[in-house]
Amino acid sequence: MADQALLFPAAAVNRRLFEQRAHSCGYRRVAGIDEVGRGPLAGPVVAAAVILPPDINLPSVRDSKQLRAAQRESLNLVIQAHALDIAIGCVTAEEIDATDILRATFEAMLRAIQELRPTPDFILIDGPYTLPISIPQQGIKQGDRRSVSIAAASIVAKVFRDRFMAEQHHQYPVYGFDCNKGYGTRRHLEALRRHGPCPLHRRSFRGVLPR
């Protein structure tokens, strides 16, 4: 097997190039992996794994941070309709507090990969990371902007997490989770000062507990 760094160069203009090169090397189930929710004060970190058909063209699918909520919802439907497989991995606030956010992020990614059936034979990861798993893989800096399958995963993960946090608003309305999705907005921080944290809060994060 040739060196993977040569097979999959770091610079790519074509957003399908990483997938195309993997397919040309004999890989058939190429999964893009991305996560959302590393920065919020509350809620899980969520990773999605998406396997797209080799010949699919989804020019509107791009980094979820570049899209409005309505666009993400619409594209999520497109991805769900066309993907060969999609899986979600979640790590709770309690689990995040027991370790650290980077390890929790990797765990969410691993959980998503483990839910794919059958297992992917190559993985494209958002960020310069290597996961502790035997599947061939490549971490891509700014992968959500350079790989269509990673971009698809970023949209799926974002829509899933946003919906979850909006649902949690009904149980914990004082924090405004329907609007801030757990991020440290002024309203959210004020609610923490007034009411203290709820079970969704990451107590190891600055701003959640009084110092």
N, C-alpha and C. Protein backbone atom coordinates (compact mmCIF):
# COMPACT_ATOMS: atom_id res chain seq x y z
N MET A 1 0.86 -1.19 0.00
CA MET A 1 0.00 0.00 0.00
C MET A 1 0.89 1.24 0.00
N ALA A 2 0.61 2.15 -0.93
CA ALA A 2 1.40 3.38 -1.02
C ALA A 2 1.16 4.23 0.21
N ASP A 3 2.09 5.15 0.45
CA ASP A 3 1.96 6.04 1.59
C ASP A 3 0.69 6.86 1.47
N GLN A 4 -0.13 6.89 2.53
CA GLN A 4 -1.42 7.58 2.46
C GLN A 4 -1.26 9.07 2.27
N ALA A 5 -0.19 9.67 2.81
CA ALA A 5 0.03 11.10 2.64
C ALA A 5 0.22 11.45 1.17
N LEU A 6 0.77 10.52 0.37
CA LEU A 6 0.94 10.77 -1.05
C LEU A 6 -0.35 10.51 -1.81
N LEU A 7 -1.11 9.51 -1.35
CA LEU A 7 -2.37 9.21 -2.02
C LEU A 7 -3.40 10.31 -1.81
N PHE A 8 -3.36 10.92 -0.64
CA PHE A 8 -4.37 11.91 -0.28
C PHE A 8 -3.66 13.20 0.12
N PRO A 9 -3.27 14.03 -0.84
CA PRO A 9 -2.51 15.23 -0.53
C PRO A 9 -3.31 16.21 0.32
N ALA A 10 -2.59 17.04 1.07
CA ALA A 10 -3.24 17.96 1.98
C ALA A 10 -4.04 19.03 1.25
N ALA A 11 -3.57 19.49 0.10
CA ALA A 11 -4.24 20.56 -0.62
C ALA A 11 -5.22 19.98 -1.63
N ALA A 12 -6.46 20.39 -1.57
CA ALA A 12 -7.47 19.91 -2.50
C ALA A 12 -8.44 21.04 -2.82
N VAL A 13 -8.69 21.25 -4.11
CA VAL A 13 -9.65 22.26 -4.55
C VAL A 13 -11.00 21.60 -4.79
N ASN A 14 -10.99 20.48 -5.49
CA ASN A 14 -12.19 19.70 -5.74
C ASN A 14 -12.69 19.11 -4.43
N ARG A 15 -13.90 19.45 -4.00
CA ARG A 15 -14.42 18.98 -2.72
C ARG A 15 -14.80 17.52 -2.74
N ARG A 16 -14.69 16.86 -3.87
CA ARG A 16 -14.88 15.41 -3.95
C ARG A 16 -13.55 14.69 -4.14
N LEU A 17 -12.45 15.44 -4.15
CA LEU A 17 -11.16 14.85 -4.48
C LEU A 17 -10.73 13.79 -3.47
N PHE A 18 -10.90 14.06 -2.19
CA PHE A 18 -10.47 13.08 -1.18
C PHE A 18 -11.24 11.78 -1.33
N GLU A 19 -12.55 11.89 -1.56
CA GLU A 19 -13.37 10.70 -1.76
C GLU A 19 -12.98 9.99 -3.06
N GLN A 20 -12.77 10.75 -4.13
CA GLN A 20 -12.42 10.15 -5.41
C GLN A 20 -11.09 9.39 -5.34
N ARG A 21 -10.13 9.96 -4.64
CA ARG A 21 -8.84 9.29 -4.51
C ARG A 21 -8.95 8.02 -3.68
N ALA A 22 -9.78 8.06 -2.64
CA ALA A 22 -9.99 6.85 -1.85
C ALA A 22 -10.64 5.76 -2.69
N HIS A 23 -11.65 6.15 -3.47
CA HIS A 23 -12.30 5.16 -4.33
C HIS A 23 -11.34 4.61 -5.37
N SER A 24 -10.48 5.46 -5.91
CA SER A 24 -9.53 5.00 -6.93
C SER A 24 -8.51 4.02 -6.37
N CYS A 25 -8.33 4.04 -5.05
CA CYS A 25 -7.40 3.12 -4.38
C CYS A 25 -8.10 1.85 -3.90
N GLY A 26 -9.36 1.70 -4.26
CA GLY A 26 -10.06 0.47 -3.93
C GLY A 26 -10.98 0.54 -2.74
N TYR A 27 -11.02 1.68 -2.04
CA TYR A 27 -11.94 1.83 -0.91
C TYR A 27 -13.34 2.10 -1.44
N ARG A 28 -14.33 1.45 -0.87
CA ARG A 28 -15.69 1.55 -1.37
C ARG A 28 -16.63 2.26 -0.41
N ARG A 29 -16.39 2.15 0.87
CA ARG A 29 -17.27 2.78 1.86
C ARG A 29 -16.46 3.83 2.61
N VAL A 30 -16.44 5.03 2.03
CA VAL A 30 -15.65 6.14 2.57
C VAL A 30 -16.56 7.01 3.42
N ALA A 31 -16.26 7.09 4.70
CA ALA A 31 -17.10 7.84 5.63
C ALA A 31 -16.46 9.18 5.98
N GLY A 32 -17.24 10.23 5.89
CA GLY A 32 -16.83 11.54 6.39
C GLY A 32 -17.30 11.70 7.82
N ILE A 33 -16.43 12.24 8.71
CA ILE A 33 -16.74 12.37 10.12
C ILE A 33 -16.56 13.83 10.54
N ASP A 34 -17.55 14.36 11.25
CA ASP A 34 -17.41 15.70 11.83
C ASP A 34 -18.21 15.76 13.12
N GLU A 35 -17.90 16.76 13.93
CA GLU A 35 -18.59 16.93 15.22
C GLU A 35 -19.07 18.36 15.39
N VAL A 36 -20.02 18.51 16.28
CA VAL A 36 -20.47 19.84 16.70
C VAL A 36 -20.62 19.82 18.22
N GLY A 37 -20.47 20.99 18.82
CA GLY A 37 -20.75 21.10 20.24
C GLY A 37 -19.55 21.01 21.14
N ARG A 38 -18.36 21.38 20.65
CA ARG A 38 -17.20 21.38 21.54
C ARG A 38 -17.22 22.60 22.47
N GLY A 39 -17.76 23.72 22.00
CA GLY A 39 -17.67 24.96 22.75
C GLY A 39 -18.78 25.28 23.72
N PRO A 40 -19.99 24.72 23.58
CA PRO A 40 -21.09 25.12 24.47
C PRO A 40 -20.84 24.80 25.93
N LEU A 41 -21.59 25.47 26.78
CA LEU A 41 -21.55 25.21 28.22
C LEU A 41 -22.49 24.09 28.63
N ALA A 42 -23.38 23.70 27.72
CA ALA A 42 -24.37 22.68 28.05
C ALA A 42 -24.64 21.80 26.84
N GLY A 43 -25.10 20.58 27.13
CA GLY A 43 -25.47 19.66 26.08
C GLY A 43 -24.33 18.74 25.66
N PRO A 44 -24.64 17.76 24.84
CA PRO A 44 -23.64 16.78 24.41
C PRO A 44 -22.75 17.32 23.30
N VAL A 45 -21.62 16.66 23.11
CA VAL A 45 -20.88 16.82 21.87
C VAL A 45 -21.37 15.70 20.95
N VAL A 46 -21.64 16.06 19.70
CA VAL A 46 -22.29 15.15 18.77
C VAL A 46 -21.42 15.01 17.52
N ALA A 47 -21.21 13.77 17.10
CA ALA A 47 -20.49 13.51 15.86
C ALA A 47 -21.42 12.77 14.90
N ALA A 48 -21.24 13.03 13.62
CA ALA A 48 -21.97 12.29 12.59
C ALA A 48 -20.96 11.65 11.64
N ALA A 49 -21.33 10.49 11.14
CA ALA A 49 -20.56 9.79 10.11
C ALA A 49 -21.47 9.58 8.92
N VAL A 50 -21.01 9.98 7.74
CA VAL A 50 -21.83 9.92 6.54
C VAL A 50 -21.04 9.24 5.42
N ILE A 51 -21.66 8.26 4.79
CA ILE A 51 -21.09 7.61 3.61
C ILE A 51 -21.95 7.98 2.42
N LEU A 52 -21.37 8.67 1.45
CA LEU A 52 -22.08 9.08 0.25
C LEU A 52 -21.76 8.15 -0.91
N PRO A 53 -22.66 8.03 -1.88
CA PRO A 53 -22.36 7.24 -3.08
C PRO A 53 -21.16 7.84 -3.82
N PRO A 54 -20.35 7.02 -4.46
CA PRO A 54 -19.14 7.55 -5.12
C PRO A 54 -19.42 8.59 -6.20
N ASP A 55 -20.55 8.47 -6.90
CA ASP A 55 -20.80 9.34 -8.04
C ASP A 55 -21.72 10.52 -7.72
N ILE A 56 -22.03 10.73 -6.46
CA ILE A 56 -23.00 11.78 -6.12
C ILE A 56 -22.36 13.16 -6.21
N ASN A 57 -23.16 14.13 -6.60
CA ASN A 57 -22.71 15.52 -6.66
C ASN A 57 -23.68 16.38 -5.86
N LEU A 58 -23.19 16.92 -4.76
CA LEU A 58 -24.02 17.75 -3.87
C LEU A 58 -23.34 19.10 -3.70
N PRO A 59 -23.40 19.97 -4.71
CA PRO A 59 -22.66 21.23 -4.66
C PRO A 59 -23.10 22.18 -3.56
N SER A 60 -24.33 22.05 -3.09
CA SER A 60 -24.82 22.95 -2.04
C SER A 60 -24.39 22.52 -0.65
N VAL A 61 -23.92 21.29 -0.52
CA VAL A 61 -23.50 20.78 0.79
C VAL A 61 -22.13 21.34 1.11
N ARG A 62 -22.06 22.11 2.19
CA ARG A 62 -20.79 22.68 2.62
C ARG A 62 -20.79 22.81 4.14
N ASP A 63 -19.73 23.32 4.67
CA ASP A 63 -19.56 23.47 6.12
C ASP A 63 -20.84 24.05 6.73
N SER A 64 -21.36 23.36 7.75
CA SER A 64 -22.62 23.79 8.36
C SER A 64 -22.56 25.20 8.93
N LYS A 65 -21.37 25.64 9.33
CA LYS A 65 -21.24 26.99 9.90
C LYS A 65 -21.45 28.07 8.84
N GLN A 66 -21.39 27.72 7.57
CA GLN A 66 -21.61 28.68 6.49
C GLN A 66 -23.06 28.73 6.04
N LEU A 67 -23.93 27.97 6.71
CA LEU A 67 -25.32 27.85 6.28
C LEU A 67 -26.26 28.40 7.35
N ARG A 68 -27.39 28.92 6.92
CA ARG A 68 -28.45 29.30 7.85
C ARG A 68 -29.20 28.05 8.31
N ALA A 69 -29.92 28.17 9.40
CA ALA A 69 -30.62 27.01 9.98
C ALA A 69 -31.57 26.37 8.97
N ALA A 70 -32.32 27.19 8.23
CA ALA A 70 -33.25 26.65 7.25
C ALA A 70 -32.52 25.90 6.14
N GLN A 71 -31.36 26.41 5.74
CA GLN A 71 -30.58 25.72 4.72
C GLN A 71 -30.08 24.37 5.23
N ARG A 72 -29.64 24.35 6.49
CA ARG A 72 -29.17 23.09 7.06
C ARG A 72 -30.30 22.06 7.11
N GLU A 73 -31.47 22.50 7.52
CA GLU A 73 -32.60 21.58 7.60
C GLU A 73 -32.93 21.01 6.22
N SER A 74 -32.92 21.86 5.21
CA SER A 74 -33.22 21.41 3.85
C SER A 74 -32.16 20.45 3.34
N LEU A 75 -30.90 20.80 3.55
CA LEU A 75 -29.82 19.94 3.07
C LEU A 75 -29.75 18.64 3.86
N ASN A 76 -30.13 18.67 5.12
CA ASN A 76 -30.16 17.44 5.89
C ASN A 76 -31.11 16.43 5.26
N LEU A 77 -32.24 16.90 4.77
CA LEU A 77 -33.18 16.00 4.09
C LEU A 77 -32.56 15.41 2.84
N VAL A 78 -31.83 16.24 2.09
CA VAL A 78 -31.18 15.76 0.87
C VAL A 78 -30.14 14.69 1.22
N ILE A 79 -29.34 14.96 2.23
CA ILE A 79 -28.31 14.01 2.64
C ILE A 79 -28.94 12.71 3.12
N GLN A 80 -29.98 12.80 3.93
CA GLN A 80 -30.65 11.61 4.43
C GLN A 80 -31.21 10.77 3.29
N ALA A 81 -31.66 11.44 2.22
CA ALA A 81 -32.26 10.72 1.10
C ALA A 81 -31.22 10.03 0.22
N HIS A 82 -30.00 10.58 0.15
CA HIS A 82 -29.02 10.07 -0.81
C HIS A 82 -27.88 9.28 -0.19
N ALA A 83 -27.61 9.46 1.08
CA ALA A 83 -26.47 8.79 1.70
C ALA A 83 -26.66 7.27 1.73
N LEU A 84 -25.56 6.56 1.61
CA LEU A 84 -25.59 5.11 1.75
C LEU A 84 -25.79 4.71 3.20
N ASP A 85 -25.26 5.49 4.10
CA ASP A 85 -25.42 5.24 5.53
C ASP A 85 -25.09 6.51 6.31
N ILE A 86 -25.76 6.67 7.46
CA ILE A 86 -25.55 7.80 8.36
C ILE A 86 -25.62 7.28 9.79
N ALA A 87 -24.74 7.77 10.63
CA ALA A 87 -24.78 7.39 12.04
C ALA A 87 -24.41 8.58 12.91
N ILE A 88 -24.91 8.55 14.13
CA ILE A 88 -24.69 9.62 15.10
C ILE A 88 -24.02 9.03 16.34
N GLY A 89 -23.06 9.77 16.89
CA GLY A 89 -22.46 9.42 18.17
C GLY A 89 -22.54 10.60 19.11
N CYS A 90 -22.98 10.37 20.35
CA CYS A 90 -23.15 11.44 21.34
C CYS A 90 -22.35 11.13 22.60
N VAL A 91 -21.78 12.16 23.19
CA VAL A 91 -21.13 12.06 24.49
C VAL A 91 -21.76 13.12 25.37
N THR A 92 -22.27 12.71 26.51
CA THR A 92 -23.04 13.59 27.37
C THR A 92 -22.15 14.58 28.13
N ALA A 93 -22.81 15.57 28.71
CA ALA A 93 -22.08 16.55 29.54
C ALA A 93 -21.38 15.87 30.70
N GLU A 94 -22.04 14.91 31.32
CA GLU A 94 -21.43 14.18 32.44
C GLU A 94 -20.16 13.45 31.99
N GLU A 95 -20.21 12.84 30.81
CA GLU A 95 -19.04 12.15 30.29
C GLU A 95 -17.93 13.14 29.94
N ILE A 96 -18.31 14.29 29.41
CA ILE A 96 -17.31 15.32 29.09
C ILE A 96 -16.59 15.75 30.37
N ASP A 97 -17.35 15.96 31.44
CA ASP A 97 -16.76 16.38 32.71
C ASP A 97 -15.81 15.34 33.28
N ALA A 98 -16.04 14.07 32.95
CA ALA A 98 -15.21 12.99 33.48
C ALA A 98 -13.89 12.85 32.74
N THR A 99 -13.76 13.52 31.59
CA THR A 99 -12.53 13.43 30.80
C THR A 99 -12.13 14.84 30.37
N ASP A 100 -12.10 15.12 29.09
CA ASP A 100 -11.92 16.47 28.56
C ASP A 100 -12.60 16.53 27.21
N ILE A 101 -12.78 17.72 26.69
CA ILE A 101 -13.62 17.88 25.51
C ILE A 101 -13.00 17.25 24.27
N LEU A 102 -11.68 17.26 24.14
CA LEU A 102 -11.07 16.65 22.96
C LEU A 102 -11.25 15.13 22.98
N ARG A 103 -11.01 14.51 24.12
CA ARG A 103 -11.23 13.07 24.22
C ARG A 103 -12.69 12.72 24.02
N ALA A 104 -13.56 13.56 24.54
CA ALA A 104 -14.99 13.33 24.35
C ALA A 104 -15.37 13.44 22.88
N THR A 105 -14.74 14.37 22.18
CA THR A 105 -14.99 14.52 20.74
C THR A 105 -14.59 13.27 20.00
N PHE A 106 -13.41 12.75 20.30
CA PHE A 106 -12.96 11.52 19.65
C PHE A 106 -13.89 10.35 19.97
N GLU A 107 -14.36 10.29 21.21
CA GLU A 107 -15.27 9.22 21.59
C GLU A 107 -16.58 9.32 20.82
N ALA A 108 -17.10 10.54 20.63
CA ALA A 108 -18.32 10.71 19.84
C ALA A 108 -18.11 10.25 18.41
N MET A 109 -16.95 10.56 17.84
CA MET A 109 -16.63 10.10 16.48
C MET A 109 -16.58 8.59 16.40
N LEU A 110 -15.92 7.97 17.38
CA LEU A 110 -15.82 6.51 17.40
C LEU A 110 -17.20 5.87 17.53
N ARG A 111 -18.06 6.45 18.36
CA ARG A 111 -19.41 5.91 18.51
C ARG A 111 -20.20 6.00 17.21
N ALA A 112 -20.02 7.09 16.49
CA ALA A 112 -20.70 7.22 15.20
C ALA A 112 -20.20 6.17 14.22
N ILE A 113 -18.90 5.99 14.14
CA ILE A 113 -18.32 5.00 13.22
C ILE A 113 -18.83 3.61 13.55
N GLN A 114 -18.90 3.29 14.83
CA GLN A 114 -19.31 1.95 15.25
C GLN A 114 -20.77 1.66 14.92
N GLU A 115 -21.56 2.71 14.68
CA GLU A 115 -22.97 2.52 14.34
C GLU A 115 -23.19 2.30 12.84
N LEU A 116 -22.18 2.54 12.02
CA LEU A 116 -22.32 2.33 10.58
C LEU A 116 -22.35 0.84 10.29
N ARG A 117 -23.24 0.44 9.37
CA ARG A 117 -23.35 -0.96 8.97
C ARG A 117 -23.42 -1.07 7.46
N PRO A 118 -22.48 -1.83 6.84
CA PRO A 118 -21.28 -2.39 7.45
C PRO A 118 -20.25 -1.30 7.76
N THR A 119 -19.18 -1.71 8.42
CA THR A 119 -18.13 -0.77 8.82
C THR A 119 -17.50 -0.11 7.61
N PRO A 120 -17.21 1.19 7.65
CA PRO A 120 -16.51 1.84 6.53
C PRO A 120 -15.10 1.27 6.36
N ASP A 121 -14.58 1.36 5.15
CA ASP A 121 -13.21 0.89 4.92
C ASP A 121 -12.21 2.03 4.80
N PHE A 122 -12.69 3.27 4.84
CA PHE A 122 -11.81 4.43 4.91
C PHE A 122 -12.57 5.56 5.57
N ILE A 123 -11.86 6.38 6.35
CA ILE A 123 -12.48 7.47 7.10
C ILE A 123 -11.78 8.78 6.80
N LEU A 124 -12.55 9.82 6.53
CA LEU A 124 -12.06 11.18 6.39
C LEU A 124 -12.54 11.97 7.60
N ILE A 125 -11.60 12.56 8.34
CA ILE A 125 -11.90 13.19 9.62
C ILE A 125 -11.70 14.71 9.51
N ASP A 126 -12.63 15.47 10.05
CA ASP A 126 -12.46 16.91 10.09
C ASP A 126 -11.42 17.27 11.15
N GLY A 127 -10.31 17.82 10.71
CA GLY A 127 -9.25 18.20 11.64
C GLY A 127 -8.04 17.30 11.47
N PRO A 128 -6.89 17.76 11.92
CA PRO A 128 -5.64 17.01 11.77
C PRO A 128 -5.51 15.93 12.85
N TYR A 129 -6.46 15.00 12.85
CA TYR A 129 -6.53 14.02 13.93
C TYR A 129 -6.37 12.60 13.40
N THR A 130 -6.00 11.72 14.31
CA THR A 130 -5.99 10.29 14.04
C THR A 130 -6.78 9.61 15.14
N LEU A 131 -7.77 8.83 14.77
CA LEU A 131 -8.59 8.13 15.75
C LEU A 131 -7.98 6.78 16.10
N PRO A 132 -8.12 6.34 17.36
CA PRO A 132 -7.56 5.06 17.77
C PRO A 132 -8.42 3.89 17.28
N ILE A 133 -8.36 3.67 15.98
CA ILE A 133 -9.16 2.62 15.35
C ILE A 133 -8.35 2.10 14.16
N SER A 134 -8.54 0.84 13.82
CA SER A 134 -7.69 0.21 12.81
C SER A 134 -8.09 0.53 11.38
N ILE A 135 -9.21 1.19 11.18
CA ILE A 135 -9.66 1.53 9.83
C ILE A 135 -8.72 2.58 9.23
N PRO A 136 -8.27 2.42 7.98
CA PRO A 136 -7.47 3.46 7.33
C PRO A 136 -8.20 4.79 7.36
N GLN A 137 -7.44 5.86 7.55
CA GLN A 137 -8.08 7.16 7.78
C GLN A 137 -7.15 8.29 7.40
N GLN A 138 -7.75 9.47 7.24
CA GLN A 138 -6.98 10.69 7.03
C GLN A 138 -7.67 11.85 7.71
N GLY A 139 -6.94 12.58 8.54
CA GLY A 139 -7.43 13.82 9.11
C GLY A 139 -7.13 14.96 8.16
N ILE A 140 -8.12 15.84 7.98
CA ILE A 140 -8.00 16.93 7.00
C ILE A 140 -8.26 18.25 7.70
N LYS A 141 -7.28 19.11 7.74
CA LYS A 141 -7.48 20.44 8.30
C LYS A 141 -8.54 21.17 7.50
N GLN A 142 -9.52 21.76 8.19
CA GLN A 142 -10.67 22.42 7.56
C GLN A 142 -11.38 21.45 6.61
N GLY A 143 -11.48 20.21 7.04
CA GLY A 143 -12.10 19.19 6.20
C GLY A 143 -13.54 19.47 5.86
N ASP A 144 -14.27 20.17 6.76
CA ASP A 144 -15.66 20.46 6.46
C ASP A 144 -15.82 21.44 5.31
N ARG A 145 -14.73 22.10 4.91
CA ARG A 145 -14.76 22.99 3.76
C ARG A 145 -14.14 22.35 2.52
N ARG A 146 -13.51 21.19 2.68
CA ARG A 146 -12.73 20.62 1.59
C ARG A 146 -13.18 19.23 1.17
N SER A 147 -14.07 18.63 1.93
CA SER A 147 -14.56 17.28 1.63
C SER A 147 -16.08 17.29 1.72
N VAL A 148 -16.75 16.81 0.68
CA VAL A 148 -18.21 16.83 0.66
C VAL A 148 -18.79 15.89 1.70
N SER A 149 -18.15 14.76 1.95
CA SER A 149 -18.71 13.83 2.95
C SER A 149 -18.53 14.36 4.36
N ILE A 150 -17.42 15.05 4.63
CA ILE A 150 -17.25 15.69 5.95
C ILE A 150 -18.25 16.83 6.09
N ALA A 151 -18.43 17.61 5.04
CA ALA A 151 -19.42 18.70 5.09
C ALA A 151 -20.81 18.14 5.36
N ALA A 152 -21.15 17.03 4.71
CA ALA A 152 -22.44 16.40 4.95
C ALA A 152 -22.57 15.97 6.41
N ALA A 153 -21.50 15.42 6.96
CA ALA A 153 -21.51 15.01 8.37
C ALA A 153 -21.69 16.21 9.29
N SER A 154 -21.07 17.34 8.92
CA SER A 154 -21.20 18.54 9.76
C SER A 154 -22.64 19.03 9.79
N ILE A 155 -23.35 18.92 8.68
CA ILE A 155 -24.75 19.34 8.62
C ILE A 155 -25.62 18.40 9.43
N VAL A 156 -25.43 17.10 9.24
CA VAL A 156 -26.24 16.12 9.97
C VAL A 156 -26.04 16.27 11.48
N ALA A 157 -24.80 16.42 11.91
CA ALA A 157 -24.52 16.55 13.34
C ALA A 157 -25.12 17.83 13.90
N LYS A 158 -24.99 18.93 13.16
CA LYS A 158 -25.51 20.21 13.62
C LYS A 158 -27.04 20.18 13.74
N VAL A 159 -27.71 19.64 12.74
CA VAL A 159 -29.17 19.57 12.79
C VAL A 159 -29.62 18.69 13.95
N PHE A 160 -28.95 17.55 14.14
CA PHE A 160 -29.32 16.65 15.24
C PHE A 160 -29.15 17.34 16.58
N ARG A 161 -28.01 17.99 16.80
CA ARG A 161 -27.76 18.61 18.10
C ARG A 161 -28.68 19.80 18.34
N ASP A 162 -28.90 20.62 17.32
CA ASP A 162 -29.78 21.77 17.48
C ASP A 162 -31.20 21.33 17.85
N ARG A 163 -31.66 20.27 17.21
CA ARG A 163 -33.00 19.77 17.53
C ARG A 163 -33.05 19.27 18.96
N PHE A 164 -32.01 18.56 19.37
CA PHE A 164 -31.97 18.05 20.74
C PHE A 164 -32.02 19.19 21.75
N MET A 165 -31.21 20.23 21.54
CA MET A 165 -31.19 21.34 22.49
C MET A 165 -32.51 22.10 22.49
N ALA A 166 -33.16 22.22 21.33
CA ALA A 166 -34.47 22.88 21.28
C ALA A 166 -35.50 22.08 22.07
N GLU A 167 -35.41 20.75 22.00
CA GLU A 167 -36.32 19.91 22.78
C GLU A 167 -36.06 20.08 24.28
N GLN A 168 -34.79 20.21 24.66
CA GLN A 168 -34.46 20.37 26.08
C GLN A 168 -34.94 21.69 26.64
N HIS A 169 -35.19 22.66 25.79
CA HIS A 169 -35.71 23.95 26.23
C HIS A 169 -37.03 23.78 26.98
N HIS A 170 -37.84 22.81 26.57
CA HIS A 170 -39.14 22.62 27.22
C HIS A 170 -38.98 22.14 28.66
N GLN A 171 -37.90 21.43 28.94
CA GLN A 171 -37.65 20.96 30.30
C GLN A 171 -36.90 21.99 31.13
N TYR A 172 -36.03 22.77 30.47
CA TYR A 172 -35.21 23.75 31.18
C TYR A 172 -35.35 25.12 30.49
N PRO A 173 -36.51 25.73 30.53
CA PRO A 173 -36.77 26.93 29.72
C PRO A 173 -35.98 28.16 30.13
N VAL A 174 -35.51 28.24 31.38
CA VAL A 174 -34.87 29.48 31.84
C VAL A 174 -33.55 29.76 31.12
N TYR A 175 -32.93 28.75 30.53
CA TYR A 175 -31.61 28.95 29.93
C TYR A 175 -31.65 29.36 28.45
N GLY A 176 -32.80 29.26 27.82
CA GLY A 176 -32.90 29.65 26.43
C GLY A 176 -32.20 28.72 25.46
N PHE A 177 -32.22 27.41 25.75
CA PHE A 177 -31.53 26.45 24.89
C PHE A 177 -32.09 26.43 23.47
N ASP A 178 -33.36 26.83 23.30
CA ASP A 178 -33.93 26.85 21.95
C ASP A 178 -33.24 27.88 21.07
N CYS A 179 -32.67 28.90 21.69
CA CYS A 179 -31.97 29.95 20.92
C CYS A 179 -30.46 29.80 20.95
N ASN A 180 -29.90 29.52 22.13
CA ASN A 180 -28.43 29.52 22.23
C ASN A 180 -27.80 28.15 22.04
N LYS A 181 -28.62 27.08 22.05
CA LYS A 181 -28.15 25.70 21.86
C LYS A 181 -27.06 25.32 22.86
N GLY A 182 -27.03 26.00 24.01
CA GLY A 182 -26.06 25.68 25.04
C GLY A 182 -24.84 26.57 25.07
N TYR A 183 -24.69 27.45 24.09
CA TYR A 183 -23.54 28.35 24.06
C TYR A 183 -23.72 29.46 25.11
N GLY A 184 -22.62 30.07 25.48
CA GLY A 184 -22.60 31.02 26.58
C GLY A 184 -23.03 32.42 26.21
N THR A 185 -24.27 32.59 25.80
CA THR A 185 -24.81 33.91 25.50
C THR A 185 -25.05 34.68 26.80
N ARG A 186 -25.34 35.96 26.67
CA ARG A 186 -25.60 36.79 27.86
C ARG A 186 -26.79 36.25 28.65
N ARG A 187 -27.86 35.91 27.95
CA ARG A 187 -29.05 35.37 28.64
C ARG A 187 -28.71 34.07 29.36
N HIS A 188 -27.94 33.23 28.70
CA HIS A 188 -27.59 31.94 29.29
C HIS A 188 -26.75 32.14 30.56
N LEU A 189 -25.75 33.00 30.48
CA LEU A 189 -24.89 33.24 31.63
C LEU A 189 -25.66 33.86 32.78
N GLU A 190 -26.59 34.76 32.45
CA GLU A 190 -27.41 35.37 33.49
C GLU A 190 -28.30 34.32 34.17
N ALA A 191 -28.84 33.39 33.36
CA ALA A 191 -29.66 32.32 33.92
C ALA A 191 -28.83 31.41 34.83
N LEU A 192 -27.59 31.18 34.47
CA LEU A 192 -26.72 30.38 35.33
C LEU A 192 -26.47 31.07 36.66
N ARG A 193 -26.29 32.39 36.61
CA ARG A 193 -26.08 33.13 37.86
C ARG A 193 -27.32 33.09 38.75
N ARG A 194 -28.49 33.14 38.12
CA ARG A 194 -29.73 33.18 38.89
C ARG A 194 -30.16 31.80 39.38
N HIS A 195 -29.99 30.78 38.55
CA HIS A 195 -30.60 29.48 38.82
C HIS A 195 -29.58 28.36 39.02
N GLY A 196 -28.32 28.61 38.70
CA GLY A 196 -27.35 27.54 38.77
C GLY A 196 -27.49 26.59 37.60
N PRO A 197 -26.63 25.58 37.51
CA PRO A 197 -26.66 24.67 36.36
C PRO A 197 -27.76 23.62 36.46
N CYS A 198 -28.12 23.07 35.31
CA CYS A 198 -29.05 21.95 35.24
C CYS A 198 -28.25 20.70 34.85
N PRO A 199 -28.86 19.53 34.77
CA PRO A 199 -28.11 18.32 34.44
C PRO A 199 -27.43 18.34 33.08
N LEU A 200 -27.84 19.22 32.19
CA LEU A 200 -27.21 19.30 30.87
C LEU A 200 -25.91 20.09 30.87
N HIS A 201 -25.63 20.80 31.95
CA HIS A 201 -24.46 21.68 31.96
C HIS A 201 -23.16 20.92 32.21
N ARG A 202 -22.11 21.43 31.56
CA ARG A 202 -20.77 20.88 31.72
C ARG A 202 -20.10 21.62 32.87
N ARG A 203 -20.09 21.00 34.00
CA ARG A 203 -19.60 21.68 35.20
C ARG A 203 -18.10 21.95 35.17
N SER A 204 -17.37 21.29 34.30
CA SER A 204 -15.93 21.53 34.18
C SER A 204 -15.63 22.74 33.31
N PHE A 205 -16.63 23.33 32.66
CA PHE A 205 -16.42 24.47 31.78
C PHE A 205 -16.52 25.77 32.56
N ARG A 206 -15.63 26.69 32.25
CA ARG A 206 -15.63 28.00 32.91
C ARG A 206 -16.94 28.73 32.62
N GLY A 207 -17.51 29.31 33.65
CA GLY A 207 -18.75 30.06 33.50
C GLY A 207 -19.96 29.31 33.99
N VAL A 208 -19.84 27.98 34.16
CA VAL A 208 -20.99 27.20 34.59
C VAL A 208 -21.17 27.27 36.10
N LEU A 209 -20.09 27.08 36.83
CA LEU A 209 -20.13 27.15 38.29
C LEU A 209 -19.46 28.42 38.77
N PRO A 210 -19.92 29.00 39.87
CA PRO A 210 -19.26 30.20 40.39
C PRO A 210 -17.83 29.90 40.80
N ARG A 211 -16.95 30.85 40.55
CA ARG A 211 -15.53 30.67 40.89
C ARG A 211 -15.23 31.26 42.25
